[in-house]
Protein backbone atom coordinates (compact mmCIF):
# COMPACT_ATOMS: atom_id res chain seq x y z
CA MET A 1 95.85 17.36 147.79
CA ASP A 2 94.49 20.38 149.67
CA ARG A 3 96.56 23.48 150.10
CA ALA A 4 97.83 23.96 153.67
CA VAL A 5 99.46 27.32 152.97
CA HIS A 6 99.07 29.84 150.16
CA LEU A 7 101.13 33.01 150.29
CA ASP A 8 99.80 35.24 147.52
CA GLY A 9 101.94 38.10 146.21
CA ILE A 10 103.75 38.75 149.50
CA THR A 11 105.84 41.91 149.57
CA LYS A 12 107.72 43.00 152.68
CA ARG A 13 109.62 46.28 152.87
CA PHE A 14 111.86 47.61 155.62
CA ALA A 15 112.20 51.32 154.87
CA ASP A 16 113.94 51.37 151.45
CA VAL A 17 114.89 47.69 151.53
CA VAL A 18 112.58 45.22 149.76
CA ALA A 19 113.09 41.86 151.50
CA ASN A 20 110.27 40.06 149.64
CA ASP A 21 108.96 41.22 146.29
CA ASP A 22 105.61 39.80 145.16
CA VAL A 23 106.39 36.25 146.31
CA THR A 24 103.80 33.50 145.85
CA LEU A 25 104.20 30.17 147.63
CA GLU A 26 101.84 27.21 147.62
CA VAL A 27 102.39 24.28 149.98
CA GLU A 28 100.27 21.16 149.83
CA GLN A 29 98.94 19.58 153.02
CA GLY A 30 100.90 16.57 154.21
CA SER A 31 103.97 17.43 152.12
CA VAL A 32 107.54 18.57 152.78
CA HIS A 33 108.36 21.84 151.03
CA ALA A 34 111.90 23.27 150.95
CA LEU A 35 112.49 27.01 150.73
CA LEU A 36 115.90 27.36 149.10
CA GLY A 37 118.02 30.43 148.53
CA GLU A 38 121.17 32.38 149.31
CA ASN A 39 121.65 34.44 152.45
CA GLY A 40 119.62 37.60 152.10
CA ALA A 41 117.30 36.03 149.51
CA GLY A 42 114.30 36.63 151.79
CA LYS A 43 113.59 33.06 152.98
CA THR A 44 113.41 33.78 156.71
CA THR A 45 111.55 37.06 156.17
CA LEU A 46 108.89 35.25 154.15
CA MET A 47 108.46 32.62 156.87
CA ASN A 48 108.39 35.31 159.55
CA VAL A 49 105.42 36.77 157.69
CA LEU A 50 103.71 33.38 157.76
CA TYR A 51 104.51 33.00 161.46
CA GLY A 52 103.17 36.43 162.39
CA LEU A 53 106.48 38.02 163.34
CA TYR A 54 106.10 40.48 160.44
CA GLU A 55 103.02 41.89 158.79
CA PRO A 56 103.27 41.91 154.98
CA THR A 57 103.43 45.25 153.21
CA ASP A 58 101.31 43.74 150.44
CA GLY A 59 99.78 40.35 149.69
CA ARG A 60 97.60 37.73 151.35
CA VAL A 61 98.23 34.85 153.76
CA VAL A 62 95.84 31.94 153.27
CA VAL A 63 95.85 28.97 155.66
CA ASP A 64 93.64 25.94 155.03
CA GLY A 65 91.59 27.92 152.52
CA ALA A 66 90.89 30.89 154.80
CA GLU A 67 92.57 34.28 154.47
CA ARG A 68 94.29 35.18 157.73
CA THR A 69 95.83 38.30 159.25
CA PHE A 70 98.49 37.61 161.87
CA GLY A 71 99.40 40.37 164.30
CA SER A 72 101.72 38.12 166.30
CA PRO A 73 102.99 34.53 166.50
CA ALA A 74 100.14 33.80 168.88
CA ASP A 75 97.71 34.40 166.01
CA ALA A 76 99.73 32.07 163.75
CA ILE A 77 99.86 29.36 166.43
CA GLU A 78 96.09 29.63 166.82
CA ALA A 79 95.84 29.05 163.05
CA GLY A 80 98.00 25.93 163.35
CA ILE A 81 101.36 27.40 162.27
CA GLY A 82 104.44 26.55 164.35
CA MET A 83 108.06 27.63 163.82
CA ILE A 84 111.30 26.02 164.99
CA HIS A 85 114.05 28.61 164.82
CA GLN A 86 117.68 27.96 163.93
CA HIS A 87 118.72 28.95 167.44
CA PHE A 88 116.51 26.91 169.74
CA MET A 89 114.31 28.78 172.19
CA LEU A 90 114.57 26.38 175.10
CA VAL A 91 115.39 26.79 178.80
CA ASP A 92 118.40 24.64 179.68
CA PRO A 93 117.79 24.01 183.41
CA MET A 94 114.23 22.83 182.73
CA THR A 95 113.14 19.31 181.83
CA VAL A 96 111.86 18.24 178.44
CA THR A 97 108.29 18.28 179.77
CA GLU A 98 108.66 21.75 181.28
CA ASN A 99 110.02 23.14 178.02
CA ILE A 100 107.28 21.59 175.88
CA THR A 101 104.40 22.70 178.10
CA LEU A 102 105.83 26.08 179.18
CA GLY A 103 103.03 28.63 179.14
CA ASN A 104 100.43 25.94 178.38
CA GLU A 105 100.79 23.67 181.41
CA PRO A 106 97.83 21.52 182.52
CA ARG A 107 96.52 22.80 185.85
CA LYS A 108 95.01 21.26 188.96
CA TRP A 109 93.36 22.44 192.17
CA GLY A 110 91.18 24.89 190.28
CA GLY A 111 94.09 26.24 188.32
CA LEU A 112 96.24 27.02 191.34
CA ALA A 113 99.08 24.62 190.51
CA VAL A 114 100.72 22.91 187.57
CA ASP A 115 99.66 19.28 187.12
CA ARG A 116 103.16 17.90 186.49
CA ARG A 117 102.04 14.28 186.31
CA THR A 118 99.49 15.00 183.58
CA ALA A 119 102.04 17.14 181.75
CA ARG A 120 104.54 14.25 181.69
CA GLN A 121 101.86 11.84 180.51
CA GLU A 122 100.79 14.19 177.70
CA VAL A 123 104.37 14.74 176.55
CA ARG A 124 105.13 11.01 176.63
CA ALA A 125 101.99 10.25 174.62
CA LEU A 126 102.84 12.96 172.07
CA SER A 127 106.41 11.69 171.77
CA ASP A 128 105.26 8.08 171.35
CA ARG A 129 102.68 9.07 168.74
CA TYR A 130 105.42 10.31 166.41
CA GLY A 131 108.13 7.85 167.46
CA PHE A 132 110.37 10.62 168.83
CA ALA A 133 111.96 8.62 171.68
CA VAL A 134 112.26 11.64 173.98
CA ASP A 135 112.50 11.21 177.78
CA PRO A 136 109.99 13.67 179.32
CA GLU A 137 111.96 13.85 182.58
CA ALA A 138 115.42 14.55 181.08
CA THR A 139 116.89 18.00 181.48
CA LEU A 140 117.83 19.93 178.35
CA THR A 141 121.52 19.95 179.30
CA SER A 142 121.61 16.14 179.37
CA VAL A 143 120.32 15.51 175.85
CA SER A 144 121.91 15.88 172.41
CA VAL A 145 121.29 18.74 169.98
CA GLY A 146 119.18 16.39 167.86
CA VAL A 147 116.92 15.63 170.82
CA GLN A 148 116.66 19.33 171.65
CA GLN A 149 115.41 19.90 168.13
CA ARG A 150 112.74 17.24 168.64
CA VAL A 151 111.73 19.02 171.83
CA GLU A 152 111.19 22.19 169.80
CA ILE A 153 109.06 20.24 167.31
CA LEU A 154 107.06 18.64 170.11
CA LYS A 155 106.55 22.07 171.69
CA ALA A 156 104.95 23.28 168.46
CA LEU A 157 102.85 20.13 168.12
CA TYR A 158 101.72 20.44 171.75
CA ARG A 159 100.34 23.85 170.86
CA GLY A 160 98.33 22.37 167.98
CA ALA A 161 100.57 23.08 164.99
CA ASP A 162 99.54 21.43 161.72
CA THR A 163 102.14 23.26 159.62
CA LEU A 164 105.71 23.33 160.92
CA ILE A 165 108.36 25.81 159.70
CA LEU A 166 111.97 24.81 160.39
CA ASP A 167 114.77 27.34 159.86
CA GLU A 168 118.05 25.67 158.76
CA PRO A 169 117.18 22.54 160.78
CA THR A 170 120.33 20.53 159.96
CA ALA A 171 122.91 23.22 160.75
CA VAL A 172 124.13 21.62 164.00
CA LEU A 173 123.34 17.94 163.40
CA THR A 174 125.58 14.95 162.69
CA PRO A 175 124.85 12.88 159.55
CA GLN A 176 123.08 10.31 161.72
CA GLU A 177 120.95 13.02 163.35
CA VAL A 178 120.09 14.44 159.92
CA ASP A 179 118.87 10.96 158.92
CA GLU A 180 116.76 10.82 162.08
CA LEU A 181 115.31 14.27 161.39
CA PHE A 182 114.23 13.29 157.90
CA THR A 183 112.62 10.16 159.36
CA VAL A 184 110.74 12.51 161.70
CA PHE A 185 109.58 14.46 158.63
CA GLU A 186 108.16 11.26 157.16
CA GLU A 187 106.37 10.39 160.39
CA LEU A 188 104.87 13.86 160.63
CA THR A 189 103.67 13.99 157.02
CA ASP A 190 102.25 10.47 157.33
CA ALA A 191 100.16 11.88 160.17
CA GLY A 192 98.93 14.70 157.92
CA LYS A 193 101.27 17.43 159.13
CA THR A 194 102.90 19.85 156.68
CA ILE A 195 106.60 20.75 156.77
CA ILE A 196 108.28 23.86 155.36
CA PHE A 197 112.01 23.98 155.91
CA ILE A 198 114.41 26.80 155.09
CA THR A 199 117.75 25.69 153.77
CA HIS A 200 120.66 26.56 151.50
CA LYS A 201 121.81 22.92 151.23
CA LEU A 202 120.93 21.56 147.82
CA GLY A 203 121.36 17.87 148.61
CA GLU A 204 119.15 18.01 151.68
CA ALA A 205 116.42 19.89 149.85
CA MET A 206 116.39 17.28 147.08
CA ARG A 207 116.49 14.41 149.55
CA ALA A 208 113.82 15.49 152.02
CA ALA A 209 111.38 17.68 150.09
CA ASP A 210 108.52 16.92 147.76
CA GLU A 211 108.73 20.38 146.20
CA ILE A 212 111.37 23.11 146.31
CA THR A 213 110.78 26.85 145.93
CA VAL A 214 113.86 28.95 145.13
CA LEU A 215 114.13 32.59 146.20
CA ARG A 216 116.72 35.00 144.80
CA ASP A 217 117.06 38.67 145.76
CA GLY A 218 113.69 38.61 147.47
CA GLU A 219 111.81 37.14 144.51
CA GLY A 220 110.43 33.65 143.93
CA VAL A 221 112.18 32.41 140.80
CA ALA A 222 110.85 28.84 140.56
CA THR A 223 109.03 25.98 142.25
CA VAL A 224 110.13 22.51 141.13
CA ALA A 225 109.48 18.92 142.08
CA ALA A 226 112.49 17.56 143.97
CA SER A 227 112.41 14.36 141.91
CA GLU A 228 112.65 16.30 138.64
CA THR A 229 115.59 18.63 139.28
CA THR A 230 119.35 18.50 139.80
CA ARG A 231 121.80 20.10 142.20
CA GLU A 232 123.33 22.03 139.32
CA SER A 233 120.05 23.50 138.13
CA LEU A 234 119.02 24.44 141.68
CA ALA A 235 122.37 26.13 142.27
CA GLU A 236 121.98 28.13 139.08
CA LEU A 237 118.46 29.18 140.11
CA MET A 238 119.76 30.29 143.52
CA VAL A 239 122.75 32.27 142.32
CA GLY A 240 121.73 33.30 138.82
CA ARG A 241 124.82 31.78 137.24
CA GLU A 242 126.50 28.42 136.85
CA VAL A 243 128.07 27.30 140.14
CA LEU A 244 130.95 24.89 140.72
CA ILE A 245 129.36 22.31 143.05
CA GLU A 246 132.63 20.63 144.03
CA THR A 247 136.07 22.12 144.29
CA ALA A 248 138.48 20.69 141.77
CA ASP A 249 141.35 18.67 143.20
CA ARG A 250 144.47 20.82 143.22
CA PRO A 251 147.90 19.34 143.97
CA HIS A 252 149.83 20.72 146.91
CA GLU A 253 153.23 20.31 148.47
CA PRO A 254 153.17 20.99 152.22
CA GLY A 255 156.21 22.62 153.78
CA ALA A 256 157.45 23.13 157.31
CA GLU A 257 155.23 23.12 160.37
CA THR A 258 153.57 26.48 160.97
CA LEU A 259 151.55 25.26 163.99
CA ARG A 260 152.38 22.44 166.37
CA VAL A 261 150.06 21.56 169.23
CA GLU A 262 151.70 19.16 171.67
CA GLY A 263 150.01 17.52 174.67
CA ILE A 264 147.43 20.28 175.05
CA SER A 265 144.79 20.02 177.78
CA VAL A 266 142.11 22.67 178.26
CA THR A 267 139.26 23.10 180.75
CA ASP A 268 135.86 24.56 179.95
CA ASP A 269 134.01 27.32 181.80
CA ARG A 270 132.99 24.84 184.50
CA GLY A 271 136.57 23.76 185.16
CA VAL A 272 135.98 20.37 183.52
CA THR A 273 138.61 18.99 181.15
CA ALA A 274 137.33 19.59 177.62
CA VAL A 275 140.56 18.86 175.71
CA ASP A 276 142.69 15.98 176.92
CA ASP A 277 146.33 15.65 175.82
CA VAL A 278 145.79 16.56 172.15
CA SER A 279 148.70 16.72 169.69
CA PHE A 280 148.82 17.52 165.98
CA SER A 281 150.51 19.86 163.53
CA VAL A 282 149.54 22.07 160.60
CA ARG A 283 152.08 22.60 157.86
CA GLU A 284 152.63 25.39 155.40
CA GLY A 285 150.58 24.76 152.27
CA GLU A 286 148.17 22.39 154.03
CA ILE A 287 144.56 22.32 155.19
CA PHE A 288 144.30 20.27 158.37
CA GLY A 289 140.67 19.45 159.16
CA ILE A 290 139.05 18.54 162.45
CA ALA A 291 135.58 16.99 162.34
CA GLY A 292 133.34 16.21 165.27
CA VAL A 293 129.97 16.66 166.91
CA ASP A 294 129.70 20.10 168.51
CA GLY A 295 130.58 20.05 172.20
CA ASN A 296 133.43 17.54 172.09
CA GLY A 297 136.21 20.00 172.86
CA GLN A 298 136.68 21.63 169.45
CA SER A 299 135.62 25.05 170.76
CA GLU A 300 138.01 24.97 173.71
CA LEU A 301 140.85 23.68 171.53
CA VAL A 302 140.42 26.48 169.00
CA GLU A 303 140.13 29.09 171.76
CA ALA A 304 143.42 27.87 173.27
CA ILE A 305 145.17 28.04 169.89
CA THR A 306 143.87 31.54 169.11
CA GLY A 307 144.53 33.05 172.56
CA LEU A 308 141.02 33.18 173.99
CA ARG A 309 141.58 30.45 176.60
CA GLU A 310 144.75 29.41 178.43
CA PRO A 311 145.61 25.69 178.31
CA THR A 312 146.28 23.81 181.54
CA ALA A 313 149.05 21.75 179.97
CA GLY A 314 151.05 21.43 176.76
CA ARG A 315 152.67 23.66 174.15
CA ILE A 316 151.33 25.67 171.22
CA ASP A 317 154.16 26.44 168.82
CA PHE A 318 153.43 28.99 166.09
CA GLU A 319 156.21 29.73 163.64
CA GLY A 320 158.63 27.98 166.02
CA GLU A 321 157.71 29.91 169.18
CA ASP A 322 155.62 28.74 172.14
CA VAL A 323 152.64 31.13 172.10
CA ALA A 324 150.53 29.39 174.76
CA THR A 325 150.69 32.48 177.01
CA TRP A 326 150.56 35.09 174.24
CA SER A 327 147.58 37.44 174.04
CA ARG A 328 145.08 37.34 171.21
CA ARG A 329 146.49 40.63 169.90
CA ASP A 330 150.03 39.21 169.86
CA ARG A 331 148.86 36.24 167.81
CA ILE A 332 147.04 38.47 165.32
CA ASP A 333 150.18 40.59 164.94
CA ALA A 334 152.22 37.41 164.37
CA GLY A 335 149.98 36.37 161.46
CA MET A 336 147.19 34.22 162.96
CA ALA A 337 143.68 34.94 161.65
CA TYR A 338 140.56 33.44 163.19
CA VAL A 339 136.96 32.89 162.12
CA PRO A 340 135.12 32.11 165.39
CA GLU A 341 132.44 29.50 165.92
CA ASP A 342 129.97 31.98 167.44
CA ARG A 343 129.87 34.93 165.07
CA GLN A 344 127.63 37.05 167.30
CA GLU A 345 129.64 36.54 170.50
CA ARG A 346 133.18 36.48 169.08
CA GLY A 347 133.04 37.78 165.52
CA VAL A 348 131.29 41.13 165.60
CA VAL A 349 129.95 43.59 168.14
CA MET A 350 126.26 43.61 167.34
CA SER A 351 125.80 47.31 168.13
CA PHE A 352 128.76 48.32 165.91
CA ASP A 353 128.35 49.27 162.28
CA LEU A 354 130.40 47.47 159.64
CA VAL A 355 133.13 50.11 159.66
CA GLU A 356 133.71 49.49 163.36
CA SER A 357 133.37 45.70 163.11
CA GLY A 358 135.77 45.68 160.16
CA ILE A 359 138.72 46.80 162.27
CA LEU A 360 138.07 44.62 165.31
CA GLY A 361 141.42 43.21 166.37
CA SER A 362 143.22 45.63 164.04
CA HIS A 363 142.21 49.00 165.44
CA HIS A 364 145.75 49.47 166.81
CA ASP A 365 147.43 48.79 163.44
CA GLU A 366 149.26 51.62 161.70
CA GLN A 367 147.00 51.06 158.68
CA PHE A 368 143.99 52.32 160.67
CA THR A 369 145.53 54.90 162.97
CA ALA A 370 146.75 58.46 162.51
CA ASN A 371 148.32 60.47 165.34
CA GLY A 372 147.05 57.99 167.89
CA ARG A 373 143.47 58.12 166.62
CA ILE A 374 141.51 55.79 164.38
CA ASP A 375 141.54 56.88 160.74
CA TRP A 376 137.84 56.38 160.05
CA GLU A 377 138.13 57.20 156.35
CA THR A 378 140.60 54.34 155.85
CA ALA A 379 138.46 52.09 158.06
CA ARG A 380 135.42 52.87 155.93
CA GLU A 381 137.30 52.06 152.72
CA HIS A 382 138.43 48.78 154.30
CA ALA A 383 134.86 47.85 155.24
CA SER A 384 133.60 48.78 151.77
CA GLU A 385 136.18 46.48 150.17
CA ILE A 386 135.06 43.58 152.36
CA VAL A 387 131.37 44.24 151.61
CA GLU A 388 131.98 44.39 147.86
CA THR A 389 134.41 41.46 147.61
CA TYR A 390 132.39 39.12 149.80
CA ASP A 391 128.92 40.21 148.61
CA VAL A 392 127.66 41.29 152.03
CA ARG A 393 124.01 42.35 151.92
CA PRO A 394 122.82 45.02 152.31
CA PRO A 395 125.95 46.67 150.86
CA ASP A 396 125.93 49.58 153.31
CA THR A 397 128.85 50.02 155.70
CA ASP A 398 126.69 52.14 158.03
CA THR A 399 124.50 49.10 158.68
CA LYS A 400 124.67 47.76 162.24
CA SER A 401 126.06 44.25 162.57
CA ALA A 402 122.83 43.22 164.31
CA ALA A 403 120.81 44.19 161.23
CA LEU A 404 122.57 41.65 158.99
CA SER A 405 121.31 38.11 158.56
CA GLY A 406 123.46 35.44 160.20
CA GLY A 407 124.89 34.40 156.86
CA ASN A 408 125.86 37.95 155.93
CA GLN A 409 127.47 38.47 159.34
CA GLN A 410 129.50 35.34 158.60
CA LYS A 411 130.54 36.58 155.16
CA PHE A 412 131.73 39.86 156.65
CA ILE A 413 133.77 38.13 159.38
CA VAL A 414 135.35 35.70 156.92
CA GLY A 415 136.23 38.59 154.63
CA ARG A 416 137.79 40.60 157.44
CA GLU A 417 139.97 37.67 158.53
CA PHE A 418 141.06 36.83 154.98
CA GLU A 419 142.13 40.46 154.52
CA ARG A 420 144.63 40.14 157.40
CA ASP A 421 146.89 38.22 154.97
CA PRO A 422 147.64 35.53 157.58
CA SER A 423 150.29 32.81 157.62
CA LEU A 424 147.90 30.64 159.70
CA PHE A 425 144.14 30.76 159.16
CA VAL A 426 142.06 29.15 161.92
CA ALA A 427 138.49 28.64 160.71
CA ALA A 428 135.78 27.28 162.99
CA HIS A 429 132.68 26.46 160.93
CA PRO A 430 133.48 29.15 158.32
CA THR A 431 130.46 28.37 156.10
CA ARG A 432 127.86 27.75 158.81
CA GLY A 433 124.65 29.42 157.68
CA VAL A 434 126.26 30.59 154.42
CA ASP A 435 124.69 30.06 150.98
CA ILE A 436 126.18 28.00 148.17
CA GLY A 437 127.59 30.92 146.21
CA SER A 438 129.43 32.27 149.24
CA THR A 439 130.46 28.77 150.33
CA GLU A 440 132.03 28.25 146.90
CA PHE A 441 133.90 31.54 147.27
CA ILE A 442 135.13 30.74 150.82
CA HIS A 443 136.26 27.26 149.80
CA GLU A 444 138.21 28.68 146.87
CA ARG A 445 139.81 31.29 149.12
CA LEU A 446 140.86 28.65 151.68
CA LEU A 447 142.48 26.68 148.88
CA ASP A 448 144.18 29.85 147.62
CA LEU A 449 145.69 30.37 151.09
CA ARG A 450 146.92 26.78 151.05
CA ASP A 451 148.34 27.16 147.55
CA ASP A 452 150.14 30.34 148.64
CA GLY A 453 151.96 28.31 151.29
CA ASP A 454 149.86 29.31 154.31
CA GLY A 455 148.57 26.86 156.89
CA VAL A 456 144.83 26.36 157.42
CA LEU A 457 143.22 24.74 160.45
CA LEU A 458 139.61 23.97 159.49
CA VAL A 459 137.16 22.87 162.19
CA SER A 460 133.71 21.91 160.90
CA SER A 461 130.76 19.69 161.71
CA LYS A 462 130.05 19.48 157.95
CA LEU A 463 131.68 16.22 156.93
CA ASP A 464 131.31 16.93 153.22
CA GLU A 465 133.17 20.21 153.73
CA VAL A 466 136.17 18.83 155.61
CA GLN A 467 136.37 15.79 153.33
CA LEU A 468 136.35 18.06 150.29
CA LEU A 469 138.94 20.56 151.53
CA ALA A 470 141.23 18.88 154.04
CA ASP A 471 144.55 17.31 153.10
CA ARG A 472 144.58 15.48 156.42
CA LEU A 473 141.52 14.98 158.60
CA ALA A 474 141.26 14.34 162.34
CA VAL A 475 138.14 13.26 164.21
CA MET A 476 137.51 14.66 167.70
CA HIS A 477 135.39 12.97 170.36
CA ASP A 478 135.11 13.63 174.10
CA GLY A 479 138.15 15.90 174.12
CA GLU A 480 140.46 13.54 172.25
CA LEU A 481 141.59 13.19 168.65
CA MET A 482 140.45 9.71 167.66
CA ALA A 483 142.27 9.32 164.34
CA VAL A 484 143.99 11.24 161.56
CA VAL A 485 142.99 10.01 158.12
CA ASP A 486 143.33 10.73 154.44
CA PRO A 487 139.88 12.18 153.57
CA ASP A 488 139.88 10.23 150.31
CA ASP A 489 140.27 6.90 152.12
CA VAL A 490 137.34 7.10 154.55
CA THR A 491 133.58 7.25 154.05
CA GLU A 492 131.21 9.77 155.59
CA GLU A 493 129.50 6.93 157.46
CA GLU A 494 132.78 5.78 159.00
CA LEU A 495 133.60 9.32 160.07
CA GLY A 496 130.13 9.73 161.54
CA LEU A 497 130.61 6.63 163.70
CA VAL A 498 134.03 7.79 164.93
CA MET A 499 132.48 11.17 165.76
CA THR A 500 130.11 9.42 168.15
CA GLY A 501 132.92 7.56 169.92
CA GLU A 502 133.20 4.33 167.96
CA GLU A 503 136.69 2.93 167.46
CA PRO A 504 138.20 3.81 164.06
CA PRO A 505 137.92 1.04 161.43
CA ARG A 506 140.75 -1.51 161.68
CA ARG A 507 142.31 -0.28 158.44
CA LEU A 508 142.78 3.14 160.08
CA ASP A 509 144.41 1.87 163.29
CA SER A 510 147.91 2.64 162.04
CA GLN A 511 146.91 6.27 161.59
CA ARG A 512 145.70 6.86 165.12
CA VAL A 513 146.98 10.10 166.55
CA ASP A 514 150.52 9.84 167.90
CA GLY A 515 151.31 13.51 168.32
CA GLY A 516 153.24 13.72 165.08
CA GLY A 517 152.60 15.74 162.00
CA SER A 518 152.76 12.91 159.51
């Protein structure tokens, strides 16, 4: 096969930081190539070089046999390179067609107006060609996350992309949508397109890719055929040591209720009911998991529990007291820690350095104050401990939060919340965008909290994560808890169906949510 992309000895430096160090990557035309590595390994930086967002400090970029120099993404697009970012770059009020053709609309009347009819026809033909089943006239707000991702892919194809880069493409997808995405990969490669996807998920790399290149600390350590490797060997290449792929089963004995949610209803920012009469409990020494497709009320439920949104009905009892009207600060002081779903909006202040972000929510504590002023020396020591313990990169507490990768922002937030020594730990997608080594560490720490007798409420769209960690598991759909199950007694496929609104399997009917804690 011909080479679609050859990155030869790419080095990229940012001041004193070497993000990529003499990396070589060869991707065959018509293949799927996974770029695997921990957070901060240099995966996204390398692809940003290929996409023209960064110019390499050293090395060559060769596309379809010709050496290229990209000064901007426009140059890369002209060379047939398209990139679908982890956070979609779409305009919600616009239609599918308007998003796909934006900036490249067909014109009529001598270029004076957009030819909307031709645009819809072109988008429909492009969608049909690859079997994408996308309605050109639908608005972005009316379609699922999986469809929005296809819109991003179609946008790149509309601009003539032959090589598509996808950054963490499965991060917000259900298992069924992941299956559909990998079917899309097959359809694209059958048509001669080339796929490079950035991931830290071993199973998905092995399942979808033809070849896998592993980066560690900015260096390319190996390229292997997906059919000739194992999860264990890939994990060791990523981390540089043997990694425990699955958490060992550890017995537990749950105690009294630490959190009881009873008949809670919550409205979203539009005033629409997002949580409808939800009841459950979390006990001491227990991990209670909630699975569901994003956007089914999990965010509003968690915000009500943690004090960021006031419920319209119901009670939230924490340690035996109704805290539904308590402030966020009061709940922190009472022992409730919280890892938010949106790390950049709720977890850190992007313009703050790590010392400042490390005391968010605790800046009033005696530990960090002296004579009514913040004790910055103690705050710096606190931030340094988090950075060292949780392997935040770069390990510099003067670094601005905005300068960290998403995964390293997440590691810092998780570390800060663990260090509060909570009696209840509320974690919304705690390992989203986090590499396998850090995921292993976070999972172990959650189990340590449980084993110490603390309660853990774990909300995640990763079914393998909640099935692995939760002692009891609820499924949320359209603002309601559909069922509470023993994670060992239900399959991922069954959970995926319940997540989309299907009735729980008959054998689970007796465990439908009744507001109790059993």
